[in-house]
Amino acid sequence: MIDIARGQVVQDYKSHLQWVEERIAKGPFKIEYLCDKLGVSRVTFYNKRKKRSFNLMEIEILTDLFEKV
């Protein structure tokens, strides 16, 4: 039972990461603005985006930004 629930959490998180990625690609914010909000350089931002390695705090910040739009 726990393994099924854990699997669902992982699937939900992957789905949410995809949602964030779509908002980055099509959203109203410029990359410079997102970098500023996350406190990272453009290079770091692009690397995190390419490797899908945003940490939980960064995902929360991005989610908050995109939900307000």
Protein backbone atom coordinates (compact mmCIF):
# COMPACT_ATOMS: atom_id res chain seq x y z
CA MET A 1 0.00 0.00 0.00
CA ILE A 2 2.77 2.43 0.91
CA ASP A 3 4.66 1.66 -2.31
CA ILE A 4 1.57 2.52 -4.37
CA ALA A 5 1.13 5.82 -2.51
CA ARG A 6 4.82 6.63 -2.90
CA GLY A 7 4.63 5.86 -6.60
CA GLN A 8 1.68 8.22 -6.93
CA VAL A 9 3.59 10.99 -5.15
CA VAL A 10 6.51 10.54 -7.53
CA GLN A 11 4.17 10.62 -10.54
CA ASP A 12 2.44 13.74 -9.22
CA TYR A 13 5.80 15.45 -8.70
CA LYS A 14 6.96 14.55 -12.22
CA SER A 15 3.70 15.88 -13.59
CA HIS A 16 4.14 19.10 -11.62
CA LEU A 17 7.71 19.51 -12.92
CA GLN A 18 6.35 19.17 -16.45
CA TRP A 19 3.71 21.81 -15.66
CA VAL A 20 6.42 24.19 -14.41
CA GLU A 21 8.54 23.53 -17.50
CA GLU A 22 5.61 24.35 -19.77
CA ARG A 23 5.03 27.60 -17.89
CA ILE A 24 8.70 28.53 -18.21
CA ALA A 25 8.55 27.89 -21.96
CA LYS A 26 5.23 29.64 -22.62
CA GLY A 27 4.80 31.91 -19.63
CA PRO A 28 4.81 35.67 -19.50
CA PHE A 29 8.06 35.97 -17.55
CA LYS A 30 11.46 36.62 -19.04
CA ILE A 31 14.25 34.27 -18.08
CA GLU A 32 16.12 37.13 -16.40
CA TYR A 33 13.15 37.70 -14.08
CA LEU A 34 12.95 34.02 -13.15
CA CYS A 35 16.71 33.90 -12.53
CA ASP A 36 16.43 36.93 -10.27
CA LYS A 37 13.56 35.38 -8.30
CA LEU A 38 15.52 32.15 -7.86
CA GLY A 39 18.80 33.93 -7.15
CA VAL A 40 20.70 32.07 -9.86
CA SER A 41 22.58 33.04 -13.02
CA ARG A 42 21.21 32.39 -16.51
CA VAL A 43 23.73 29.58 -16.98
CA THR A 44 22.68 27.92 -13.73
CA PHE A 45 19.02 28.36 -14.62
CA TYR A 46 19.47 26.77 -18.04
CA ASN A 47 21.48 23.89 -16.56
CA LYS A 48 18.82 23.27 -13.89
CA ARG A 49 16.14 23.42 -16.56
CA LYS A 50 17.98 21.07 -18.91
CA LYS A 51 18.75 18.55 -16.15
CA ARG A 52 15.41 19.09 -14.40
CA SER A 53 17.33 19.66 -11.19
CA PHE A 54 15.43 22.49 -9.55
CA ASN A 55 15.32 21.95 -5.79
CA LEU A 56 12.10 21.98 -3.80
CA MET A 57 12.42 25.65 -2.78
CA GLU A 58 12.96 26.68 -6.41
CA ILE A 59 9.94 24.66 -7.53
CA GLU A 60 7.84 26.33 -4.82
CA ILE A 61 8.97 29.80 -5.97
CA LEU A 62 8.24 29.02 -9.62
CA THR A 63 4.89 27.47 -8.76
CA ASP A 64 3.91 30.54 -6.76
CA LEU A 65 4.88 32.84 -9.64
CA PHE A 66 3.00 30.87 -12.28
CA GLU A 67 -0.13 30.34 -10.18
CA LYS A 68 -0.52 34.12 -9.86
CA VAL A 69 -0.72 34.52 -13.64
